[in-house]
Structures are given as structure tokens and as C-alpha cells.
Protein backbone atom coordinates (compact mmCIF):
# COMPACT_ATOMS: atom_id res chain seq x y z
CA UNK A 1 -7.32 33.64 -14.14
CA UNK A 2 -10.43 35.09 -12.56
CA UNK A 3 -14.10 34.80 -13.15
CA UNK A 4 -15.72 37.55 -15.19
CA UNK A 5 -17.95 39.65 -12.92
CA UNK A 6 -21.49 40.27 -14.01
CA UNK A 7 -21.65 43.01 -16.60
CA UNK A 8 -17.98 42.94 -17.59
CA UNK A 9 -16.34 41.78 -20.77
CA UNK A 10 -15.24 38.14 -20.96
CA UNK A 11 -11.62 37.32 -20.17
CA UNK A 12 -9.23 35.26 -22.29
CA UNK A 13 -10.89 32.00 -21.24
CA UNK A 14 -14.33 33.28 -22.05
CA UNK A 15 -16.27 33.35 -18.80
CA UNK A 16 -19.09 35.36 -20.33
CA UNK A 17 -21.86 33.40 -18.63
CA UNK A 18 -22.92 36.23 -16.34
CA UNK A 19 -26.28 35.90 -14.69
CA UNK A 20 -28.37 37.82 -12.21
CA UNK A 21 -31.04 35.33 -11.22
CA UNK A 22 -29.48 32.71 -8.92
CA UNK A 23 -32.18 30.21 -9.86
CA UNK A 24 -31.35 30.17 -13.56
CA UNK A 25 -30.18 32.46 -16.33
CA UNK A 26 -32.47 33.71 -19.02
CA UNK A 27 -29.87 32.75 -21.60
CA UNK A 28 -26.25 31.74 -21.89
CA UNK A 29 -23.92 34.25 -23.51
CA UNK A 30 -22.88 33.41 -27.03
CA UNK A 31 -19.31 34.65 -26.59
CA UNK A 32 -16.77 35.20 -29.31
CA UNK A 33 -15.29 32.76 -31.76
CA UNK A 34 -16.84 29.93 -33.73
CA UNK A 35 -19.72 27.88 -32.46
CA UNK A 36 -18.66 24.75 -30.58
CA UNK A 37 -18.82 21.50 -32.47
CA UNK A 38 -21.75 19.20 -31.88
CA UNK A 39 -21.03 16.41 -29.40
CA UNK A 40 -20.48 12.91 -30.82
CA UNK A 41 -23.60 10.95 -31.58
CA UNK A 42 -24.73 8.70 -28.79
CA UNK A 43 -25.15 5.68 -31.01
CA UNK A 44 -21.53 5.92 -32.11
CA UNK A 45 -20.32 6.11 -28.51
CA UNK A 46 -22.47 3.15 -27.54
CA UNK A 47 -21.16 1.20 -30.52
CA UNK A 48 -17.56 1.84 -29.48
CA UNK A 49 -18.24 0.76 -25.92
CA UNK A 50 -20.05 -2.35 -27.17
CA UNK A 51 -17.09 -3.27 -29.35
CA UNK A 52 -14.68 -2.68 -26.46
CA UNK A 53 -16.63 -4.94 -24.10
CA UNK A 54 -17.01 -7.57 -26.80
CA UNK A 55 -13.23 -7.69 -27.18
CA UNK A 56 -12.86 -7.97 -23.40
CA UNK A 57 -15.31 -10.87 -23.28
CA UNK A 58 -13.37 -12.67 -26.02
CA UNK A 59 -10.10 -12.13 -24.13
CA UNK A 60 -11.72 -13.38 -20.92
CA UNK A 61 -12.77 -16.58 -22.69
CA UNK A 62 -9.22 -17.02 -23.98
CA UNK A 63 -7.80 -16.60 -20.48
CA UNK A 64 -10.25 -19.12 -19.09
CA UNK A 65 -9.59 -21.72 -21.77
CA UNK A 66 -5.84 -21.35 -21.63
CA UNK A 67 -5.12 -20.82 -17.92
CA UNK A 68 -8.13 -21.44 -15.67
CA UNK A 69 -10.05 -24.21 -17.39
CA UNK A 70 -7.26 -26.82 -17.26
CA UNK A 71 -7.38 -26.74 -13.45
CA UNK A 72 -10.86 -28.27 -13.51
CA UNK A 73 -14.28 -26.90 -12.65
CA UNK A 74 -14.15 -27.78 -8.94
CA UNK A 75 -10.69 -26.32 -8.41
CA UNK A 76 -11.62 -23.21 -10.39
CA UNK A 77 -14.68 -22.62 -8.19
CA UNK A 78 -12.63 -22.99 -5.01
CA UNK A 79 -10.01 -20.58 -6.37
CA UNK A 80 -12.69 -18.14 -7.51
CA UNK A 81 -14.31 -18.13 -4.08
CA UNK A 82 -10.98 -17.51 -2.37
CA UNK A 83 -10.09 -14.73 -4.83
CA UNK A 84 -13.30 -12.88 -3.99
CA UNK A 85 -11.92 -12.02 -0.54
CA UNK A 86 -8.99 -9.78 -1.57
CA UNK A 87 -10.81 -8.26 -4.54
CA UNK A 88 -13.71 -7.29 -2.27
CA UNK A 89 -11.29 -5.32 -0.09
CA UNK A 90 -9.92 -3.54 -3.15
CA UNK A 91 -13.38 -2.69 -4.49
CA UNK A 92 -14.43 -1.36 -1.09
CA UNK A 93 -11.48 1.04 -1.00
CA UNK A 94 -12.07 2.11 -4.61
CA UNK A 95 -15.72 2.79 -3.82
CA UNK A 96 -14.69 5.01 -0.91
CA UNK A 97 -12.24 6.93 -3.08
CA UNK A 98 -14.65 7.34 -5.98
CA UNK A 99 -17.84 8.23 -4.12
CA UNK A 100 -16.81 11.88 -3.63
CA UNK A 101 -16.39 12.55 -7.36
CA UNK A 102 -18.05 9.47 -8.90
CA UNK A 103 -16.99 8.30 -12.32
CA UNK A 104 -19.33 6.83 -14.96
CA UNK A 105 -20.16 3.22 -14.20
CA UNK A 106 -19.34 2.08 -17.71
CA UNK A 107 -15.75 3.29 -17.40
CA UNK A 108 -15.36 1.75 -13.94
CA UNK A 109 -16.56 -1.62 -15.23
CA UNK A 110 -14.28 -1.28 -18.25
CA UNK A 111 -11.27 -0.58 -16.01
CA UNK A 112 -11.86 -3.69 -13.90
CA UNK A 113 -12.57 -5.84 -16.96
CA UNK A 114 -9.40 -4.59 -18.63
CA UNK A 115 -7.36 -5.70 -15.65
CA UNK A 116 -9.13 -9.05 -15.25
CA UNK A 117 -9.14 -10.03 -18.94
CA UNK A 118 -7.14 -7.86 -21.35
CA UNK A 119 -4.05 -7.26 -19.20
CA UNK A 120 -3.87 -10.94 -18.22
CA UNK A 121 -4.25 -12.11 -21.82
CA UNK A 122 -1.60 -9.65 -23.04
CA UNK A 123 0.71 -10.69 -20.20
CA UNK A 124 0.37 -14.35 -21.13
CA UNK A 125 1.02 -13.58 -24.80
CA UNK A 126 3.82 -11.05 -24.51
CA UNK A 127 5.35 -12.45 -21.33
CA UNK A 128 6.44 -15.65 -23.05
CA UNK A 129 8.10 -13.72 -25.87
CA UNK A 130 9.80 -11.28 -23.54
CA UNK A 131 10.96 -14.17 -21.41
CA UNK A 132 12.41 -15.92 -24.45
CA UNK A 133 14.44 -12.82 -25.32
CA UNK A 134 15.52 -12.18 -21.73
CA UNK A 135 16.60 -15.77 -21.02
CA UNK A 136 18.05 -16.56 -24.43
CA UNK A 137 21.65 -16.89 -23.14
CA UNK A 138 20.88 -17.91 -19.54
CA UNK A 139 21.81 -21.46 -18.57
CA UNK A 140 21.54 -21.48 -14.77
CA UNK A 141 18.08 -22.20 -13.47
CA UNK A 142 18.45 -19.94 -10.42
CA UNK A 143 19.41 -16.96 -12.59
CA UNK A 144 16.55 -17.68 -14.98
CA UNK A 145 14.07 -17.79 -12.09
CA UNK A 146 15.40 -14.52 -10.67
CA UNK A 147 15.20 -12.69 -14.01
CA UNK A 148 11.75 -14.06 -14.67
CA UNK A 149 10.31 -12.90 -11.34
CA UNK A 150 12.26 -9.67 -10.82
CA UNK A 151 12.53 -8.36 -14.39
CA UNK A 152 10.07 -10.01 -16.74
CA UNK A 153 7.00 -10.08 -14.48
CA UNK A 154 7.18 -6.45 -13.24
CA UNK A 155 7.94 -5.02 -16.69
CA UNK A 156 5.28 -6.92 -18.62
CA UNK A 157 2.53 -6.94 -15.98
CA UNK A 158 2.79 -3.26 -15.07
CA UNK A 159 2.95 -2.26 -18.74
CA UNK A 160 -0.15 -4.26 -19.63
CA UNK A 161 -2.16 -3.00 -16.66
CA UNK A 162 -1.20 0.63 -17.28
CA UNK A 163 -2.01 0.31 -20.98
CA UNK A 164 -5.66 0.34 -19.96
CA UNK A 165 -5.26 3.95 -18.83
CA UNK A 166 -4.13 4.91 -22.32
CA UNK A 167 -7.10 3.09 -23.84
CA UNK A 168 -9.41 4.96 -21.48
CA UNK A 169 -7.87 8.28 -22.53
CA UNK A 170 -8.60 7.37 -26.16
CA UNK A 171 -12.29 7.05 -25.27
CA UNK A 172 -12.25 10.50 -23.71
CA UNK A 173 -9.81 12.62 -21.76
CA UNK A 174 -12.70 13.83 -19.61
CA UNK A 175 -12.79 10.49 -17.78
CA UNK A 176 -9.48 11.24 -16.04
CA UNK A 177 -9.74 14.80 -14.77
CA UNK A 178 -7.22 14.69 -11.94
CA UNK A 179 -4.84 12.60 -9.81
CA UNK A 180 -7.58 10.84 -7.83
CA UNK A 181 -9.35 9.75 -11.03
CA UNK A 182 -6.12 8.24 -12.32
CA UNK A 183 -5.59 6.38 -9.05
CA UNK A 184 -9.17 5.05 -9.04
CA UNK A 185 -8.96 3.65 -12.58
CA UNK A 186 -5.45 2.26 -12.03
CA UNK A 187 -6.59 0.59 -8.80
CA UNK A 188 -9.52 -1.07 -10.59
CA UNK A 189 -7.27 -2.33 -13.39
CA UNK A 190 -4.75 -3.66 -10.88
CA UNK A 191 -7.53 -5.18 -8.77
CA UNK A 192 -8.94 -6.97 -11.81
CA UNK A 193 -5.49 -8.30 -12.73
CA UNK A 194 -4.85 -9.49 -9.17
CA UNK A 195 -8.29 -11.15 -9.12
CA UNK A 196 -7.49 -13.34 -12.12
CA UNK A 197 -3.92 -13.95 -10.96
CA UNK A 198 -5.16 -15.01 -7.54
CA UNK A 199 -7.52 -17.51 -9.16
CA UNK A 200 -4.49 -19.06 -10.85
CA UNK A 201 -2.35 -19.06 -7.69
CA UNK A 202 -5.09 -20.35 -5.42
CA UNK A 203 -6.07 -23.02 -7.94
CA UNK A 204 -2.50 -24.30 -8.31
CA UNK A 205 -1.93 -24.30 -4.55
CA UNK A 206 -5.21 -26.19 -4.08
CA UNK A 207 -4.06 -28.85 -6.55
CA UNK A 208 -0.73 -29.09 -4.73
CA UNK A 209 -2.54 -29.44 -1.41
CA UNK A 210 -4.65 -32.26 -2.83
CA UNK A 211 -1.57 -34.04 -4.17
CA UNK A 212 0.30 -33.68 -0.86
CA UNK A 213 -2.71 -34.50 1.27
CA UNK A 214 -2.23 -31.35 3.37
CA UNK A 215 -4.24 -28.14 3.28
CA UNK A 216 -1.41 -26.02 4.67
CA UNK A 217 -0.06 -25.29 1.18
CA UNK A 218 -3.33 -23.73 0.11
CA UNK A 219 -3.88 -21.77 3.32
CA UNK A 220 -0.36 -20.39 3.28
CA UNK A 221 -0.90 -19.06 -0.26
CA UNK A 222 -4.27 -17.64 0.72
CA UNK A 223 -2.87 -15.82 3.75
CA UNK A 224 0.11 -14.38 1.87
CA UNK A 225 -1.82 -13.24 -1.22
CA UNK A 226 -5.37 -12.84 0.01
CA UNK A 227 -4.91 -11.32 3.45
CA UNK A 228 -1.40 -9.87 3.69
CA UNK A 229 -1.06 -8.40 0.20
CA UNK A 230 -4.47 -7.64 -1.34
CA UNK A 231 -3.26 -4.14 -2.30
CA UNK A 232 0.16 -5.08 -3.71
CA UNK A 233 -0.79 -4.79 -7.39
CA UNK A 234 -2.96 -1.76 -6.62
CA UNK A 235 -0.02 0.04 -5.01
CA UNK A 236 2.24 -0.61 -8.01
CA UNK A 237 -0.16 0.47 -10.74
CA UNK A 238 -1.61 3.40 -8.79
CA UNK A 239 1.70 5.24 -9.24
CA UNK A 240 1.24 5.30 -13.01
CA UNK A 241 -2.38 6.37 -12.56
CA UNK A 242 -1.23 9.16 -10.27
CA UNK A 243 1.23 10.46 -12.86
CA UNK A 244 -1.31 10.34 -15.68
CA UNK A 245 -3.91 12.00 -13.46
CA UNK A 246 -1.59 14.91 -12.66
CA UNK A 247 -0.82 15.29 -16.38
CA UNK A 248 -4.55 15.18 -17.22
CA UNK A 249 -5.25 17.94 -14.71
CA UNK A 250 -2.50 20.09 -16.21
CA UNK A 251 -3.48 19.10 -19.78
CA UNK A 252 0.18 18.73 -20.75
CA UNK A 253 1.40 16.20 -23.31
CA UNK A 254 4.92 16.48 -21.91
CA UNK A 255 3.67 15.60 -18.45
CA UNK A 256 1.68 12.68 -19.85
CA UNK A 257 4.92 11.20 -21.14
CA UNK A 258 7.16 12.20 -18.25
CA UNK A 259 4.93 11.51 -15.26
CA UNK A 260 3.24 8.52 -16.88
CA UNK A 261 6.57 6.85 -17.63
CA UNK A 262 7.95 7.88 -14.23
CA UNK A 263 5.01 6.40 -12.36
CA UNK A 264 5.18 3.25 -14.47
CA UNK A 265 8.90 2.87 -13.80
CA UNK A 266 8.48 3.40 -10.06
CA UNK A 267 5.66 0.85 -10.01
CA UNK A 268 7.92 -1.65 -11.78
CA UNK A 269 10.62 -1.07 -9.18
CA UNK A 270 8.25 -1.70 -6.27
CA UNK A 271 6.89 -4.77 -8.04
CA UNK A 272 10.43 -6.07 -8.53
CA UNK A 273 11.19 -5.41 -4.86
CA UNK A 274 8.11 -7.40 -3.88
CA UNK A 275 8.83 -10.32 -6.21
CA UNK A 276 12.51 -10.36 -5.31
CA UNK A 277 11.89 -10.83 -1.59
CA UNK A 278 12.66 -14.56 -1.83
CA UNK A 279 16.01 -13.85 -3.50
CA UNK A 280 16.97 -10.85 -1.36
CA UNK A 281 16.10 -12.34 2.01
CA UNK A 282 18.21 -14.56 4.16
CA UNK A 283 15.54 -17.19 4.72
CA UNK A 284 15.65 -19.31 7.84
CA UNK A 285 15.03 -22.86 6.56
CA UNK A 286 13.35 -23.77 9.83
CA UNK A 287 11.00 -20.78 9.79
CA UNK A 288 10.64 -19.41 6.21
CA UNK A 289 7.31 -17.75 6.95
CA UNK A 290 8.82 -15.82 9.84
CA UNK A 291 11.58 -14.47 7.58
CA UNK A 292 8.99 -13.26 5.09
CA UNK A 293 6.89 -11.61 7.80
CA UNK A 294 9.93 -9.71 9.06
CA UNK A 295 10.59 -8.46 5.52
CA UNK A 296 6.91 -7.66 5.06
CA UNK A 297 6.71 -5.62 8.26
CA UNK A 298 9.97 -3.73 7.70
CA UNK A 299 9.67 -2.97 3.96
CA UNK A 300 6.22 -3.54 2.52
CA UNK A 301 4.12 -2.16 5.37
CA UNK A 302 5.89 1.24 5.39
CA UNK A 303 5.53 1.49 1.61
CA UNK A 304 1.83 0.69 1.84
CA UNK A 305 1.30 3.21 4.68
CA UNK A 306 2.99 5.96 2.65
CA UNK A 307 0.88 5.22 -0.43
CA UNK A 308 -2.31 5.00 1.65
CA UNK A 309 -1.56 8.38 3.23
CA UNK A 310 -0.95 9.80 -0.24
CA UNK A 311 -4.32 8.55 -1.49
CA UNK A 312 -6.16 9.94 1.55
CA UNK A 313 -4.40 13.24 0.97
CA UNK A 314 -5.55 13.24 -2.64
CA UNK A 315 -9.15 12.85 -1.53
CA UNK A 316 -8.89 15.78 0.88
CA UNK A 317 -7.18 17.78 -1.84
CA UNK A 318 -10.09 17.14 -4.19
CA UNK A 319 -12.48 18.38 -1.53
CA UNK A 320 -10.53 21.65 -1.28
CA UNK A 321 -10.43 21.96 -5.07
CA UNK A 322 -14.20 21.62 -5.34
CA UNK A 323 -14.78 24.19 -2.60
CA UNK A 324 -12.38 26.68 -4.20
CA UNK A 325 -13.60 26.32 -7.79
CA UNK A 326 -17.30 26.32 -6.96
CA UNK A 327 -16.59 29.40 -4.87
CA UNK A 328 -15.37 31.06 -8.07
CA UNK A 329 -18.72 30.37 -9.70
CA UNK A 330 -20.52 31.35 -6.51
CA UNK A 331 -18.98 34.82 -6.66
CA UNK A 332 -20.33 35.10 -10.20
CA UNK A 333 -23.82 34.20 -8.99
CA UNK A 334 -24.08 30.58 -10.08
CA UNK A 335 -24.14 29.03 -6.59
CA UNK A 336 -25.13 30.31 -3.20
CA UNK A 337 -22.72 29.86 -0.25
CA UNK A 338 -25.09 27.28 1.22
CA UNK A 339 -25.02 25.27 -2.02
CA UNK A 340 -21.22 25.27 -2.12
CA UNK A 341 -21.21 24.19 1.52
CA UNK A 342 -23.56 21.34 0.67
CA UNK A 343 -21.65 20.18 -2.40
CA UNK A 344 -18.35 19.65 -0.56
CA UNK A 345 -19.93 17.40 2.08
CA UNK A 346 -21.02 13.83 1.39
CA UNK A 347 -23.39 13.98 4.36
CA UNK A 348 -25.09 17.12 3.09
CA UNK A 349 -25.31 15.70 -0.41
CA UNK A 350 -27.13 12.72 1.05
CA UNK A 351 -29.57 15.02 2.87
CA UNK A 352 -30.22 16.90 -0.38
CA UNK A 353 -30.92 13.64 -2.21
CA UNK A 354 -33.30 12.50 0.52
CA UNK A 355 -35.06 15.88 0.38
CA UNK A 356 -35.48 15.51 -3.37
CA UNK A 357 -36.51 11.87 -3.01
CA UNK A 358 -39.49 12.90 -0.88
CA UNK A 359 -40.68 14.91 -3.88
CA UNK A 360 -40.56 12.03 -6.32
CA UNK A 361 -38.18 10.03 -8.47
CA UNK A 362 -37.80 12.81 -11.05
CA UNK A 363 -36.73 15.30 -8.40
CA UNK A 364 -34.19 12.84 -7.02
CA UNK A 365 -32.77 12.20 -10.49
CA UNK A 366 -32.54 15.96 -11.11
CA UNK A 367 -30.78 16.53 -7.78
CA UNK A 368 -28.32 13.70 -8.42
CA UNK A 369 -27.50 15.07 -11.87
CA UNK A 370 -27.18 18.62 -10.51
CA UNK A 371 -24.65 17.45 -7.92
CA UNK A 372 -22.74 15.46 -10.51
CA UNK A 373 -22.66 18.36 -12.96
CA UNK A 374 -21.52 20.79 -10.26
CA UNK A 375 -18.64 18.48 -9.28
CA UNK A 376 -17.65 18.05 -12.94
CA UNK A 377 -17.77 21.82 -13.37
CA UNK A 378 -15.42 22.37 -10.43
CA UNK A 379 -12.90 19.81 -11.70
CA UNK A 380 -13.20 21.17 -15.24
CA UNK A 381 -12.40 24.69 -14.09
CA UNK A 382 -9.49 23.48 -11.97
CA UNK A 383 -8.07 21.78 -15.04
CA UNK A 384 -8.82 24.77 -17.28
CA UNK A 385 -6.89 27.07 -14.94
CA UNK A 386 -3.70 25.24 -15.92
CA UNK A 387 -4.50 24.90 -19.62
CA UNK A 388 -4.35 27.19 -22.61
CA UNK A 389 -7.61 29.02 -23.33
CA UNK A 390 -9.53 27.25 -26.08
CA UNK A 391 -13.00 27.17 -27.56
CA UNK A 392 -13.29 23.50 -26.64
CA UNK A 393 -12.75 24.17 -22.93
CA UNK A 394 -15.17 27.06 -23.04
CA UNK A 395 -17.79 24.94 -24.83
CA UNK A 396 -17.47 22.21 -22.20
CA UNK A 397 -18.02 24.78 -19.48
CA UNK A 398 -21.11 26.11 -21.26
CA UNK A 399 -22.54 22.60 -21.53
CA UNK A 400 -22.06 21.95 -17.81
CA UNK A 401 -23.61 25.28 -16.86
CA UNK A 402 -26.55 24.64 -19.17
CA UNK A 403 -27.00 21.22 -17.56
CA UNK A 404 -26.94 22.77 -14.08
CA UNK A 405 -29.51 25.36 -15.17
CA UNK A 406 -31.83 22.70 -16.59
CA UNK A 407 -31.60 20.66 -13.38
CA UNK A 408 -32.38 23.76 -11.31
CA UNK A 409 -35.48 24.50 -13.31
CA UNK A 410 -36.64 20.89 -13.16
CA UNK A 411 -36.17 20.82 -9.38
CA UNK A 412 -38.09 24.07 -9.06
CA UNK A 413 -40.91 22.72 -11.22
CA UNK A 414 -41.38 19.43 -9.39
CA UNK A 415 -40.83 20.68 -5.84
CA UNK A 416 -43.32 23.55 -5.84
CA UNK A 417 -47.13 23.32 -5.89
CA UNK A 418 -48.81 24.47 -9.07
CA UNK A 419 -51.27 26.65 -7.14
CA UNK A 420 -51.32 27.89 -3.59
CA UNK A 421 -53.67 26.07 -1.26
CA UNK A 422 -55.80 28.62 0.63
CA UNK A 423 -55.48 28.48 4.39
CA UNK A 424 -58.41 26.96 6.22
């Protein structure tokens, strides 16, 4: 599929937005077919988000009352402080991944809150029932422990974390436009889940340390969960986010089911491998920590390195996608080569924002929105290339181009003097 050159008839997708003035078109082509539907009312969208966050707050209160509160206020504060260390590392990585094609803040907060509250509450509720079914005929305690950690926990936890991706898709498929978006949201949901789970683990180990009169129990738990494995849950759930992100880019229901379920299943397998380390290892009773570290270095570290390389590759891939798709619009006159060059570089984007900031807050806001709209346009076109032509896709493109045009005109209005100042 190619862009429609200026002056030619629109193609099957409907790129009839030809323009001659690079600073802004006089009008947007009407095109063929029915007029696009009006976007949903803002008050309705805000109401839905308000209801969603209200439910999350209620679930967070339930989790606190049922699981965290019984540990005591002092123990909970100690556990909370310790849990901030690994979650800060996760949020830092997510920020780095998301800053190139930033997502709406409301959806990012929702993703983390889903993991920290909703997925934990659902795991507590459904985990007990699944465990009852799984262990109904099991009499040996060792077998029950193995099934609980290697089967029940991975299946229930990964399912509940990944369910947040489906909820996010219900709010709008536009929020997950590609593989990197899916990984970012999945990482936030997993990071939120691990944050609450770490509070529980650190709190229980702190109580055990107090009862034993030794702090080594607490510090061992903190090192294993807080320093050695802060990205364990993120790595598991990111595979489902990757599959859903690929399906979202291709706009294929079959891929949603196939890749989503495949990523979820692979994440469950890695989770089971992680939880089953104690059962699969030949632990030296004199040096149990050493046995775990050997397993960690030989199995978990390579898995993490592979997944980290995959994520870095996804970010570079998104950079190439933006350059290629904005180049399509550039050849149709919507962007100059210098603008495309600027939009694919975070450093040049920052320089553009600083340039606009020197011309006032309105100019900076217009520049920020112009950059955001241009990035969304590139990702939208990349997704549309793999989808069936539809009026909805074409209408979304028109809206983004109209937004870019409005930002251009606003920048031109606020960055130029109203009248020339005569030379002295």
C-alpha cells in the first residue's frame, strides 16, 4: 500500500489528504463513503475511568484488610519501604521503554494499579478455589507444596495479571498499537503485582526475623526477591503483552487468541521453572544459598538476558517504524525531511521542546502535542498497512492529520511576531 501522490485519486485505504502547503492544508479531503462517527463523549469516557479506578481502590482496600493489615502497621511500613526498591527499578526500565512513544498517563496508572490491586485480589480469591480443586485427592504434603508452587501459582497469577491487558483493550484498542506497547503495559501490571507480593513476603520474613531474633531471614528474602529477581514477574507477563501487541499491530482476532494464549502459556512455563527451583535443584544443606545462586546464574540470568535483548530490539524496531511511516507522509508533503529526522530522535525532540518553551507555555504544549500526534500517526499507519481498509481507520488518520495541522498553525501563530520591527 502506497501513499496517494498529490493530485491523484485516493487508493483503497483512502489517502486522499493531499496538500501542497507544507505548513498546513487549506482543507482535508472529504473522501468517499459515509461520514465518520462522532468520537465518544468525554464525560462518558471520564465516567468509565472513574468507575474503573473506584473498583481498583475498593480491591486495594480488600487486599490490605485481608493480607497486609494483619501483619501490623510497623511491619507493613518496613515491608513497604523494602518493596519500593525493586519496584523502582521496574518503573525506571518502563519509563525508558515508554518515553520514545509515550502512552497516556491514565492508562499507565491503571496498568500498575491493576497489577497491585485487582490481580492480587483475584489471585487470592481464585487461587484458593483452584488450589482446592487441584489438591482434592493429594495426601502427601511434599506433593501438595510442589503442585501449589509449580502449577497453581503460575497459572492463576499469570492469568490474573494478563487479564488487565484484556480490560485495557476493552477501553480502547488504540492504547496497544504494537509489541512495545503490550510489553510496557504488561511490565507495569507485573511490577504492580510484584510490589504487593513483595510487601507480603518482606513482611512475613520480618516477623520471622523478629521471632528468631536474627535479621538474616529478612535480609536473605530481600536479596533474593528485591535485588536478584526484581524483573522475574515482569519477564513472565511481558511475553503475553508481546503476543497481544503483535496481534494489535496486525489487527487480527486470530492472532489475539493465538499469540496471546501462546505468550501467556510461555510465561506460565517460565514462572513454573522459577518457582520449581527448590524442587528441581540438588540443594547442598550446608550451603543452600550457593546452590540457588548456581541455578540462578546458569538458568535465570540467560533467560533474562535474552528477554532484555528482545525488549531493546523492540525499541529500535519502533524507531525504524516511525522513520519509515513518517517518510511515507513526508513524500506526500506532510513532513519535511528535517522534521522526520527530528521526530525519530529523543535528543532532537528535546531541543524542539526547549525551542518552543522559549516562546511560551502555549508553544511548548503545541510542540509536545504535535510530536505526540506525529508518533501516533506513524504507528497508526504501520498498523493500517496490515489491516483491511475501513472507514474507521481512515477517519482516525484524518483526525490525527487534523490535529497535526492545528498544532502547526498554533506554533506558527505564537512563534512569529505580529508585525515586523523596523531596523534601527
